[in-house]
Protein backbone atom coordinates (compact mmCIF):
# COMPACT_ATOMS: atom_id res chain seq x y z
CA MET A 1 13.71 -9.31 0.11
CA GLY A 2 16.32 -7.47 -1.95
CA LEU A 3 13.88 -4.81 -3.11
CA PHE A 4 13.67 -3.43 0.41
CA SER A 5 17.39 -2.76 0.79
CA ARG A 6 17.43 0.06 -1.75
CA THR A 7 17.10 3.77 -0.94
CA PRO A 8 15.15 5.69 -3.62
CA LYS A 9 17.22 8.33 -5.42
CA ASN A 10 16.34 12.01 -4.88
CA ALA A 11 13.75 11.12 -2.27
CA ALA A 12 12.42 13.97 -0.14
CA VAL A 13 11.84 12.08 3.10
CA THR A 14 9.18 13.18 5.57
CA THR A 15 9.09 11.25 8.83
CA ALA A 16 5.87 11.03 10.80
CA ALA A 17 6.04 11.88 14.50
CA PRO A 18 5.52 8.84 16.77
CA ALA A 19 1.92 8.52 17.87
CA ALA A 20 1.07 8.16 21.53
CA THR A 21 0.27 4.56 22.40
CA ALA A 22 -2.88 3.51 24.21
CA VAL A 23 -4.06 0.18 25.51
CA VAL A 24 -6.92 -1.14 23.39
CA ASP A 25 -8.84 -4.26 24.35
CA GLY A 26 -8.99 -7.02 21.79
CA PRO A 27 -8.24 -10.68 21.18
CA ASP A 28 -4.89 -12.11 22.24
CA LEU A 29 -2.84 -12.30 19.05
CA SER A 30 0.52 -13.16 20.60
CA HIS A 31 0.52 -16.44 18.64
CA LEU A 32 0.81 -14.43 15.41
CA SER A 33 4.23 -13.00 16.27
CA GLY A 34 6.82 -13.65 13.59
CA ASP A 35 7.87 -12.83 10.03
CA TYR A 36 5.48 -13.27 7.12
CA VAL A 37 5.71 -12.82 3.34
CA ILE A 38 2.76 -11.62 1.27
CA ASP A 39 1.15 -14.39 -0.78
CA THR A 40 0.53 -12.48 -4.01
CA THR A 41 -1.67 -15.22 -5.47
CA HIS A 42 -4.21 -14.61 -2.69
CA SER A 43 -3.75 -10.85 -2.20
CA ALA A 44 -4.66 -7.67 -4.08
CA ILE A 45 -3.34 -4.11 -4.20
CA GLY A 46 -5.80 -1.83 -5.96
CA PHE A 47 -6.74 1.79 -6.52
CA SER A 48 -9.57 3.95 -7.82
CA VAL A 49 -9.67 7.53 -9.11
CA ARG A 50 -12.47 9.79 -10.38
CA HIS A 51 -12.75 9.96 -14.16
CA ALA A 52 -14.44 12.79 -16.10
CA MET A 53 -16.06 14.02 -12.87
CA VAL A 54 -18.76 11.33 -13.03
CA THR A 55 -17.39 7.85 -12.30
CA ASN A 56 -14.37 5.94 -10.99
CA VAL A 57 -11.68 4.08 -12.87
CA ARG A 58 -10.40 1.09 -10.90
CA GLY A 59 -7.12 -0.69 -11.33
CA ALA A 60 -4.55 -2.89 -9.65
CA PHE A 61 -0.86 -3.67 -9.49
CA THR A 62 -0.34 -7.34 -10.22
CA GLU A 63 3.36 -7.72 -9.36
CA TYR A 64 4.71 -6.92 -5.90
CA GLU A 65 6.34 -8.46 -2.86
CA GLY A 66 6.13 -7.70 0.82
CA LEU A 67 7.43 -8.62 4.24
CA LEU A 68 5.44 -8.26 7.46
CA ARG A 69 6.95 -8.49 10.92
CA LEU A 70 4.13 -9.01 13.40
CA ASP A 71 4.25 -8.68 17.17
CA GLY A 72 0.86 -9.88 18.36
CA ALA A 73 1.57 -9.06 22.00
CA ASN A 74 2.77 -5.52 21.25
CA PRO A 75 1.51 -4.29 17.84
CA ALA A 76 3.66 -1.16 18.12
CA ASN A 77 6.65 -3.39 17.33
CA SER A 78 5.07 -4.60 14.07
CA SER A 79 6.31 -3.40 10.68
CA ALA A 80 5.72 -3.82 6.96
CA GLU A 81 7.66 -3.30 3.73
CA ILE A 82 6.09 -3.59 0.28
CA ALA A 83 7.65 -3.06 -3.16
CA ILE A 84 5.35 -2.79 -6.20
CA LYS A 85 6.39 -3.17 -9.84
CA VAL A 86 4.78 -0.12 -11.45
CA ALA A 87 4.86 -1.66 -14.92
CA SER A 88 2.33 -4.25 -13.70
CA ILE A 89 -0.42 -1.60 -13.52
CA ASP A 90 -3.69 -2.91 -14.95
CA THR A 91 -6.84 -0.82 -15.46
CA ASN A 92 -8.35 -3.24 -17.98
CA GLN A 93 -7.54 -0.90 -20.89
CA ALA A 94 -4.16 -1.39 -22.59
CA GLN A 95 -3.83 2.12 -24.08
CA ARG A 96 -4.56 3.76 -20.74
CA ASP A 97 -2.09 1.47 -18.97
CA GLU A 98 0.67 2.46 -21.42
CA HIS A 99 -0.11 6.14 -20.80
CA LEU A 100 0.14 5.57 -17.05
CA ARG A 101 3.57 3.99 -17.50
CA ASN A 102 5.04 6.92 -19.45
CA SER A 103 6.47 10.24 -18.23
CA ASP A 104 3.06 11.91 -17.93
CA PHE A 105 2.44 9.71 -14.90
CA PHE A 106 4.74 7.10 -13.35
CA ALA A 107 7.79 7.28 -15.67
CA VAL A 108 8.34 3.56 -15.21
CA GLU A 109 11.76 3.39 -16.85
CA ALA A 110 13.23 5.90 -14.38
CA HIS A 111 11.12 4.86 -11.38
CA PRO A 112 10.19 1.17 -11.72
CA GLU A 113 8.96 0.67 -8.16
CA ILE A 114 6.51 2.06 -5.63
CA VAL A 115 7.78 1.33 -2.11
CA PHE A 116 6.08 1.51 1.27
CA ARG A 117 8.06 1.22 4.51
CA SER A 118 6.23 1.48 7.81
CA THR A 119 7.43 3.81 10.56
CA SER A 120 4.90 3.04 13.31
CA ALA A 121 1.90 0.85 14.07
CA LYS A 122 -0.79 0.75 16.73
CA ARG A 123 -4.00 -1.03 17.60
CA VAL A 124 -7.03 1.28 17.57
CA GLY A 125 -9.82 -1.28 18.01
CA ALA A 126 -10.42 -4.95 18.67
CA ASP A 127 -9.47 -5.87 15.09
CA ASP A 128 -8.44 -2.44 13.79
CA TYR A 129 -4.93 -1.11 13.34
CA ARG A 130 -3.31 2.07 12.08
CA MET A 131 0.06 1.94 10.37
CA SER A 132 2.05 5.01 9.38
CA GLY A 133 4.86 4.84 6.87
CA ASP A 134 6.83 6.36 4.03
CA LEU A 135 5.38 5.91 0.55
CA THR A 136 7.78 6.47 -2.35
CA ILE A 137 6.35 7.13 -5.80
CA LYS A 138 8.33 8.55 -8.73
CA GLY A 139 11.31 9.34 -6.49
CA VAL A 140 9.27 11.32 -3.95
CA THR A 141 8.74 10.03 -0.41
CA LYS A 142 5.92 11.24 1.82
CA SER A 143 4.19 9.94 4.93
CA VAL A 144 0.85 8.15 4.72
CA VAL A 145 -1.44 6.47 7.24
CA LEU A 146 -3.09 3.12 6.49
CA ASP A 147 -6.23 1.97 8.31
CA LEU A 148 -6.24 -1.83 8.45
CA GLU A 149 -8.56 -4.54 9.72
CA TYR A 150 -7.28 -7.90 10.91
CA THR A 151 -9.44 -10.42 9.04
CA GLY A 152 -8.26 -13.66 10.60
CA THR A 153 -5.67 -16.40 10.75
CA ALA A 154 -5.61 -20.07 9.80
CA THR A 155 -3.35 -23.02 9.14
CA ASP A 156 -4.03 -23.99 5.54
CA ALA A 157 -4.24 -27.41 3.92
CA TYR A 158 -0.45 -27.43 3.47
CA GLY A 159 0.23 -26.77 7.15
CA ILE A 160 1.25 -23.15 6.54
CA ASP A 161 0.24 -20.43 9.00
CA ARG A 162 -1.62 -17.65 7.21
CA VAL A 163 -2.83 -14.22 8.38
CA GLY A 164 -5.05 -11.63 6.68
CA PHE A 165 -5.49 -7.85 6.71
CA GLU A 166 -7.49 -5.47 4.57
CA GLY A 167 -7.78 -1.70 4.42
CA GLY A 168 -6.41 1.32 2.67
CA THR A 169 -5.91 5.06 2.52
CA THR A 170 -6.59 8.06 0.28
CA ILE A 171 -3.77 10.16 -1.16
CA ASP A 172 -3.45 13.23 -3.37
CA ARG A 173 -1.51 12.03 -6.42
CA THR A 174 -0.12 15.52 -7.11
CA ASP A 175 1.90 15.31 -3.87
CA TRP A 176 4.04 12.72 -5.65
CA GLY A 177 4.36 14.64 -8.91
CA LEU A 178 1.54 12.80 -10.71
CA SER A 179 -0.06 16.02 -11.86
CA TYR A 180 -1.05 15.31 -15.48
CA ASN A 181 -4.62 16.33 -16.33
CA ALA A 182 -6.87 17.62 -19.09
CA ALA A 183 -9.73 20.11 -18.98
CA LEU A 184 -13.26 19.02 -19.92
CA GLU A 185 -15.38 21.10 -22.30
CA THR A 186 -18.21 21.00 -19.76
CA GLY A 187 -15.97 22.18 -16.94
CA GLY A 188 -13.81 20.32 -14.47
CA VAL A 189 -10.94 17.97 -15.26
CA LEU A 190 -10.53 14.50 -16.71
CA ILE A 191 -8.78 12.87 -13.74
CA GLY A 192 -9.39 13.39 -10.04
CA GLU A 193 -6.50 14.24 -7.74
CA LYS A 194 -7.64 11.97 -4.90
CA VAL A 195 -6.70 8.31 -5.28
CA LYS A 196 -8.07 5.57 -3.03
CA LEU A 197 -5.55 2.80 -2.36
CA THR A 198 -6.84 -0.58 -1.16
CA PHE A 199 -5.03 -3.59 0.27
CA ASP A 200 -6.36 -7.13 0.71
CA ILE A 201 -3.42 -9.05 2.10
CA SER A 202 -2.89 -12.72 2.82
CA ALA A 203 0.56 -13.44 4.26
CA VAL A 204 2.26 -16.72 5.16
CA ARG A 205 4.70 -17.32 7.96
CA LYS A 206 8.34 -17.59 6.92
CA GLY A 207 10.26 -20.74 7.73
């Protein structure tokens, strides 16, 4: 996964303090231990943000790759790395997507990728996990916490082991320099600062 070997330029890194571990009862997932790659044809990375103070605009990134290292016996040893091609942003409106790619927002030519690298993971419920990590957007790196649910595992029709997780987090886009906005005549602003990120991940075992 060559995308994960790069260090973002001019990144202001903030490292989350390790969380205290606790024993949480749940199913034995030791059989899941191993390395997995995200199957992008059966996964989705999406987002939503308030528009004009009254509704939400939803979108997705359609090009990305990711590597998961799972330790089913000791989830604290698990990790994840995901690299997203920002130019693949899709909000179902071409003019808006082009605006999002330019310097008002993501500045795709200078910062073509969004990268997440986990720093810690823990089980917080039978099927619930919390993963902290560094999220880099537009050359700025800050810590985020993802709440994830284990949705199951199966061996598919091709004999490939597959595992699923879904979840997300909410971030303030201005923390990453995505501060563009416009005032409304009726008061308020065109674009909300809070962005909900969602992940629906299907990953297949490597090898």
